[in-house]
Amino acid sequence: MNVGKAKEQKGGIELEFDLDEPPQKVWRAISIPEFRQNWLPKDALADPNPATITPGEEVRYSLRDDAPPFLESTVTFTIVPNATGGTRLRIIHELTDARLDRTAETAANSNSPALMLAA
């Protein structure tokens, strides 16, 4: 396995790895709950079932932080065979919490100065 490349995106991060293992083995590790549990615990999942799945190619899970403000995100795993018979694994973790969009939208559309509330 080589060291992955990381690329920051707005609201998330994208990682890419070339693995020595064949795609079928990597697919099992990311899609079968008993195997996935070893590195992505069910406690981190908002739902134990995938949000979307394209068998053998891509699976997306919804996550929720376990501490306030309990932000929600998605993690998408995409696999494709690489030139050496292994697998290219792409992981995209995106912050998807709708509350953040409303907060940014409210701040951007406000023509009045921010007010601080007294404690």
N, C-alpha and C. Protein backbone atom coordinates (compact mmCIF):
# COMPACT_ATOMS: atom_id res chain seq x y z
N MET A 1 0.85 -1.18 0.00
CA MET A 1 0.00 0.00 0.00
C MET A 1 0.89 1.23 0.00
N ASN A 2 0.51 2.21 -0.78
CA ASN A 2 1.26 3.46 -0.74
C ASN A 2 0.55 4.45 0.17
N VAL A 3 1.24 5.48 0.53
CA VAL A 3 0.64 6.52 1.36
C VAL A 3 -0.35 7.28 0.50
N GLY A 4 -1.49 7.57 1.07
CA GLY A 4 -2.55 8.23 0.32
C GLY A 4 -2.30 9.70 0.10
N LYS A 5 -3.00 10.22 -0.87
CA LYS A 5 -2.98 11.65 -1.14
C LYS A 5 -4.22 12.25 -0.51
N ALA A 6 -4.06 13.40 0.10
CA ALA A 6 -5.20 14.08 0.72
C ALA A 6 -5.43 15.40 0.01
N LYS A 7 -6.71 15.74 -0.15
CA LYS A 7 -7.07 17.00 -0.77
C LYS A 7 -8.23 17.57 0.02
N GLU A 8 -8.05 18.79 0.53
CA GLU A 8 -9.13 19.43 1.28
C GLU A 8 -10.13 20.01 0.31
N GLN A 9 -11.41 19.91 0.69
CA GLN A 9 -12.48 20.51 -0.07
C GLN A 9 -13.27 21.39 0.88
N LYS A 10 -14.11 22.23 0.33
CA LYS A 10 -14.98 23.03 1.19
C LYS A 10 -15.92 22.07 1.92
N GLY A 11 -15.85 22.07 3.24
CA GLY A 11 -16.72 21.23 4.04
C GLY A 11 -16.32 19.78 4.12
N GLY A 12 -15.10 19.43 3.69
CA GLY A 12 -14.72 18.03 3.77
C GLY A 12 -13.29 17.77 3.39
N ILE A 13 -12.99 16.49 3.26
CA ILE A 13 -11.65 16.07 2.88
C ILE A 13 -11.76 14.86 1.95
N GLU A 14 -10.84 14.77 1.01
CA GLU A 14 -10.81 13.66 0.07
C GLU A 14 -9.46 12.96 0.20
N LEU A 15 -9.50 11.64 0.37
CA LEU A 15 -8.29 10.83 0.47
C LEU A 15 -8.29 9.80 -0.63
N GLU A 16 -7.11 9.44 -1.11
CA GLU A 16 -7.00 8.42 -2.14
C GLU A 16 -5.82 7.52 -1.83
N PHE A 17 -6.06 6.21 -1.90
CA PHE A 17 -5.03 5.22 -1.58
C PHE A 17 -4.96 4.17 -2.67
N ASP A 18 -3.77 3.70 -2.98
CA ASP A 18 -3.58 2.52 -3.81
C ASP A 18 -3.25 1.38 -2.88
N LEU A 19 -4.10 0.36 -2.89
CA LEU A 19 -3.95 -0.80 -2.01
C LEU A 19 -3.51 -2.01 -2.81
N ASP A 20 -2.78 -2.90 -2.17
CA ASP A 20 -2.33 -4.13 -2.83
C ASP A 20 -3.46 -5.15 -2.96
N GLU A 21 -4.46 -5.06 -2.13
CA GLU A 21 -5.55 -6.04 -2.10
C GLU A 21 -6.48 -5.86 -3.30
N PRO A 22 -7.08 -6.98 -3.78
CA PRO A 22 -8.01 -6.89 -4.92
C PRO A 22 -9.30 -6.16 -4.53
N PRO A 23 -9.99 -5.58 -5.51
CA PRO A 23 -11.22 -4.83 -5.22
C PRO A 23 -12.27 -5.61 -4.43
N GLN A 24 -12.42 -6.91 -4.69
CA GLN A 24 -13.42 -7.70 -3.99
C GLN A 24 -13.16 -7.72 -2.48
N LYS A 25 -11.90 -7.81 -2.10
CA LYS A 25 -11.55 -7.85 -0.68
C LYS A 25 -11.78 -6.48 -0.03
N VAL A 26 -11.42 -5.41 -0.72
CA VAL A 26 -11.64 -4.06 -0.20
C VAL A 26 -13.13 -3.80 -0.09
N TRP A 27 -13.90 -4.25 -1.09
CA TRP A 27 -15.34 -4.05 -1.04
C TRP A 27 -15.95 -4.71 0.20
N ARG A 28 -15.52 -5.91 0.51
CA ARG A 28 -16.03 -6.59 1.70
C ARG A 28 -15.71 -5.79 2.96
N ALA A 29 -14.52 -5.22 3.01
CA ALA A 29 -14.10 -4.47 4.20
C ALA A 29 -14.93 -3.20 4.41
N ILE A 30 -15.42 -2.60 3.35
CA ILE A 30 -16.18 -1.36 3.50
C ILE A 30 -17.69 -1.58 3.50
N SER A 31 -18.15 -2.76 3.10
CA SER A 31 -19.60 -2.94 2.95
C SER A 31 -20.22 -3.96 3.90
N ILE A 32 -19.45 -4.89 4.43
CA ILE A 32 -19.99 -5.89 5.35
C ILE A 32 -19.84 -5.36 6.77
N PRO A 33 -20.96 -5.18 7.48
CA PRO A 33 -20.91 -4.54 8.81
C PRO A 33 -19.88 -5.14 9.77
N GLU A 34 -19.75 -6.46 9.81
CA GLU A 34 -18.81 -7.08 10.73
C GLU A 34 -17.36 -6.68 10.43
N PHE A 35 -17.02 -6.49 9.18
CA PHE A 35 -15.67 -6.06 8.80
C PHE A 35 -15.52 -4.55 8.94
N ARG A 36 -16.54 -3.82 8.49
CA ARG A 36 -16.51 -2.36 8.57
C ARG A 36 -16.38 -1.88 10.02
N GLN A 37 -17.00 -2.60 10.93
CA GLN A 37 -16.98 -2.26 12.35
C GLN A 37 -15.56 -2.15 12.91
N ASN A 38 -14.60 -2.84 12.31
CA ASN A 38 -13.21 -2.80 12.79
C ASN A 38 -12.59 -1.42 12.65
N TRP A 39 -13.05 -0.63 11.71
CA TRP A 39 -12.43 0.69 11.50
C TRP A 39 -13.43 1.82 11.39
N LEU A 40 -14.71 1.52 11.26
CA LEU A 40 -15.77 2.53 11.25
C LEU A 40 -16.87 2.01 12.16
N PRO A 41 -16.75 2.30 13.48
CA PRO A 41 -17.70 1.73 14.45
C PRO A 41 -19.13 2.17 14.21
N LYS A 42 -20.06 1.26 14.51
CA LYS A 42 -21.48 1.57 14.30
C LYS A 42 -21.93 2.76 15.13
N ASP A 43 -21.25 3.06 16.26
CA ASP A 43 -21.61 4.21 17.08
C ASP A 43 -21.41 5.53 16.34
N ALA A 44 -20.53 5.54 15.34
CA ALA A 44 -20.28 6.76 14.56
C ALA A 44 -21.33 6.95 13.47
N LEU A 45 -22.08 5.90 13.18
CA LEU A 45 -23.05 5.96 12.09
C LEU A 45 -24.38 6.52 12.56
N ALA A 46 -24.96 7.39 11.77
CA ALA A 46 -26.32 7.87 12.04
C ALA A 46 -27.32 6.77 11.75
N ASP A 47 -26.97 5.90 10.81
CA ASP A 47 -27.81 4.77 10.41
C ASP A 47 -26.86 3.63 10.06
N PRO A 48 -27.07 2.43 10.58
CA PRO A 48 -26.16 1.33 10.28
C PRO A 48 -26.22 0.87 8.82
N ASN A 49 -27.30 1.23 8.12
CA ASN A 49 -27.41 0.86 6.72
C ASN A 49 -26.81 1.95 5.84
N PRO A 50 -26.22 1.56 4.71
CA PRO A 50 -25.67 2.58 3.81
C PRO A 50 -26.75 3.55 3.32
N ALA A 51 -26.38 4.81 3.16
CA ALA A 51 -27.29 5.81 2.60
C ALA A 51 -27.51 5.53 1.13
N THR A 52 -26.43 5.18 0.43
CA THR A 52 -26.50 4.76 -0.98
C THR A 52 -25.46 3.67 -1.18
N ILE A 53 -25.72 2.84 -2.18
CA ILE A 53 -24.77 1.77 -2.48
C ILE A 53 -24.86 1.41 -3.96
N THR A 54 -23.70 1.30 -4.59
CA THR A 54 -23.57 0.74 -5.93
C THR A 54 -22.66 -0.47 -5.74
N PRO A 55 -23.24 -1.68 -5.69
CA PRO A 55 -22.46 -2.87 -5.33
C PRO A 55 -21.15 -3.00 -6.10
N GLY A 56 -20.10 -3.22 -5.32
CA GLY A 56 -18.77 -3.42 -5.89
C GLY A 56 -18.05 -2.16 -6.30
N GLU A 57 -18.71 -1.01 -6.18
CA GLU A 57 -18.10 0.24 -6.64
C GLU A 57 -18.08 1.36 -5.60
N GLU A 58 -19.25 1.61 -4.97
CA GLU A 58 -19.33 2.76 -4.08
C GLU A 58 -20.36 2.52 -2.99
N VAL A 59 -20.02 2.99 -1.79
CA VAL A 59 -20.95 2.93 -0.67
C VAL A 59 -20.81 4.23 0.13
N ARG A 60 -21.97 4.77 0.58
CA ARG A 60 -21.98 6.03 1.34
C ARG A 60 -22.73 5.79 2.65
N TYR A 61 -22.12 6.27 3.73
CA TYR A 61 -22.72 6.16 5.05
C TYR A 61 -22.97 7.55 5.62
N SER A 62 -24.04 7.66 6.40
CA SER A 62 -24.33 8.90 7.12
C SER A 62 -23.74 8.78 8.52
N LEU A 63 -23.05 9.82 8.95
CA LEU A 63 -22.41 9.83 10.26
C LEU A 63 -23.01 10.94 11.11
N ARG A 64 -22.89 10.79 12.43
CA ARG A 64 -23.32 11.84 13.36
C ARG A 64 -22.32 11.86 14.50
N ASP A 65 -21.80 13.07 14.82
CA ASP A 65 -20.88 13.21 15.95
C ASP A 65 -21.54 12.71 17.22
N ASP A 66 -20.72 12.19 18.13
CA ASP A 66 -21.27 11.69 19.39
C ASP A 66 -21.24 12.73 20.51
N ALA A 67 -20.88 13.96 20.17
CA ALA A 67 -20.84 15.05 21.16
C ALA A 67 -21.52 16.28 20.55
N PRO A 68 -22.12 17.12 21.39
CA PRO A 68 -22.77 18.34 20.87
C PRO A 68 -21.81 19.16 20.04
N PRO A 69 -22.25 19.72 18.95
CA PRO A 69 -23.63 19.90 18.49
C PRO A 69 -24.14 18.76 17.62
N PHE A 70 -23.51 17.58 17.67
CA PHE A 70 -23.97 16.39 16.94
C PHE A 70 -24.08 16.65 15.43
N LEU A 71 -23.01 17.18 14.85
CA LEU A 71 -23.01 17.50 13.42
C LEU A 71 -23.12 16.23 12.59
N GLU A 72 -23.76 16.36 11.45
CA GLU A 72 -23.94 15.23 10.54
C GLU A 72 -23.04 15.39 9.33
N SER A 73 -22.60 14.23 8.81
CA SER A 73 -21.72 14.21 7.65
C SER A 73 -21.95 12.91 6.90
N THR A 74 -21.31 12.81 5.74
CA THR A 74 -21.33 11.56 4.98
C THR A 74 -19.90 11.17 4.67
N VAL A 75 -19.69 9.87 4.57
CA VAL A 75 -18.41 9.36 4.11
C VAL A 75 -18.71 8.42 2.95
N THR A 76 -18.04 8.67 1.83
CA THR A 76 -18.26 7.89 0.61
C THR A 76 -16.97 7.15 0.27
N PHE A 77 -17.10 5.85 0.06
CA PHE A 77 -15.97 5.01 -0.34
C PHE A 77 -16.19 4.55 -1.76
N THR A 78 -15.23 4.83 -2.62
CA THR A 78 -15.30 4.40 -4.02
C THR A 78 -14.08 3.54 -4.30
N ILE A 79 -14.30 2.40 -4.93
CA ILE A 79 -13.17 1.53 -5.27
C ILE A 79 -13.16 1.26 -6.77
N VAL A 80 -11.95 1.22 -7.33
CA VAL A 80 -11.75 0.84 -8.72
C VAL A 80 -10.46 0.02 -8.78
N PRO A 81 -10.39 -0.93 -9.71
CA PRO A 81 -9.15 -1.68 -9.86
C PRO A 81 -8.03 -0.75 -10.31
N ASN A 82 -6.81 -1.01 -9.83
CA ASN A 82 -5.68 -0.22 -10.32
C ASN A 82 -4.84 -1.06 -11.29
N ALA A 83 -3.82 -0.49 -11.85
CA ALA A 83 -3.02 -1.13 -12.90
C ALA A 83 -2.24 -2.34 -12.41
N THR A 84 -2.02 -2.46 -11.10
CA THR A 84 -1.19 -3.56 -10.56
C THR A 84 -2.03 -4.72 -10.03
N GLY A 85 -3.35 -4.69 -10.24
CA GLY A 85 -4.21 -5.76 -9.75
C GLY A 85 -4.75 -5.49 -8.36
N GLY A 86 -4.38 -4.37 -7.79
CA GLY A 86 -4.88 -3.97 -6.49
C GLY A 86 -6.10 -3.07 -6.64
N THR A 87 -6.24 -2.17 -5.70
CA THR A 87 -7.43 -1.32 -5.66
C THR A 87 -7.06 0.13 -5.38
N ARG A 88 -7.69 1.03 -6.09
CA ARG A 88 -7.62 2.44 -5.74
C ARG A 88 -8.86 2.74 -4.90
N LEU A 89 -8.63 3.15 -3.65
CA LEU A 89 -9.70 3.47 -2.71
C LEU A 89 -9.75 4.98 -2.54
N ARG A 90 -10.91 5.54 -2.81
CA ARG A 90 -11.13 6.97 -2.66
C ARG A 90 -12.14 7.17 -1.53
N ILE A 91 -11.80 8.01 -0.57
CA ILE A 91 -12.67 8.28 0.58
C ILE A 91 -12.95 9.78 0.60
N ILE A 92 -14.23 10.12 0.60
CA ILE A 92 -14.63 11.53 0.67
C ILE A 92 -15.50 11.68 1.91
N HIS A 93 -15.06 12.52 2.83
CA HIS A 93 -15.82 12.80 4.04
C HIS A 93 -16.28 14.25 3.95
N GLU A 94 -17.61 14.43 3.90
CA GLU A 94 -18.18 15.76 3.72
C GLU A 94 -19.12 16.11 4.87
N LEU A 95 -19.00 17.32 5.35
CA LEU A 95 -19.90 17.84 6.36
C LEU A 95 -21.20 18.22 5.66
N THR A 96 -22.31 17.61 6.07
CA THR A 96 -23.58 17.82 5.37
C THR A 96 -24.67 18.38 6.26
N ASP A 97 -24.34 18.75 7.47
CA ASP A 97 -25.34 19.20 8.43
C ASP A 97 -26.07 20.44 7.91
N ALA A 98 -27.37 20.35 7.75
CA ALA A 98 -28.18 21.45 7.21
C ALA A 98 -28.14 22.68 8.12
N ARG A 99 -27.91 22.48 9.40
CA ARG A 99 -27.86 23.62 10.32
C ARG A 99 -26.73 24.57 9.95
N LEU A 100 -25.65 24.05 9.42
CA LEU A 100 -24.53 24.91 9.03
C LEU A 100 -24.89 25.78 7.84
N ASP A 101 -25.66 25.26 6.91
CA ASP A 101 -26.08 26.04 5.75
C ASP A 101 -26.97 27.21 6.18
N ARG A 102 -27.88 26.95 7.11
CA ARG A 102 -28.76 28.02 7.57
C ARG A 102 -27.99 29.09 8.32
N THR A 103 -27.01 28.67 9.13
CA THR A 103 -26.20 29.64 9.87
C THR A 103 -25.41 30.52 8.92
N ALA A 104 -24.79 29.92 7.91
CA ALA A 104 -24.00 30.69 6.94
C ALA A 104 -24.91 31.60 6.12
N GLU A 105 -26.08 31.07 5.75
CA GLU A 105 -27.02 31.86 4.95
C GLU A 105 -27.53 33.06 5.75
N THR A 106 -27.85 32.85 7.00
CA THR A 106 -28.34 33.93 7.86
C THR A 106 -27.27 35.01 8.01
N ALA A 107 -26.03 34.60 8.25
CA ALA A 107 -24.95 35.56 8.41
C ALA A 107 -24.70 36.32 7.11
N ALA A 108 -24.76 35.64 5.99
CA ALA A 108 -24.49 36.28 4.70
C ALA A 108 -25.58 37.25 4.29
N ASN A 109 -26.82 36.98 4.70
CA ASN A 109 -27.94 37.82 4.30
C ASN A 109 -28.29 38.89 5.31
N SER A 110 -27.55 38.99 6.35
CA SER A 110 -27.86 39.96 7.39
C SER A 110 -27.21 41.29 7.06
N ASN A 111 -28.01 42.35 7.04
CA ASN A 111 -27.49 43.70 6.81
C ASN A 111 -27.27 44.44 8.11
N SER A 112 -27.61 43.81 9.20
CA SER A 112 -27.45 44.48 10.48
C SER A 112 -26.24 43.92 11.22
N PRO A 113 -25.67 44.73 12.12
CA PRO A 113 -24.51 44.23 12.86
C PRO A 113 -24.92 43.09 13.78
N ALA A 114 -23.98 42.22 14.03
CA ALA A 114 -24.24 41.08 14.92
C ALA A 114 -24.49 41.59 16.32
N LEU A 115 -25.45 41.00 17.00
CA LEU A 115 -25.78 41.38 18.36
C LEU A 115 -25.32 40.29 19.32
N MET A 116 -24.83 40.69 20.45
CA MET A 116 -24.45 39.73 21.47
C MET A 116 -25.50 39.80 22.58
N LEU A 117 -25.90 38.67 23.06
CA LEU A 117 -26.89 38.61 24.12
C LEU A 117 -26.17 38.64 25.47
N ALA A 118 -26.77 39.32 26.41
CA ALA A 118 -26.21 39.35 27.77
C ALA A 118 -26.44 38.01 28.42
N ALA A 119 -25.49 37.57 29.21
CA ALA A 119 -25.60 36.27 29.89
C ALA A 119 -26.58 36.33 31.02
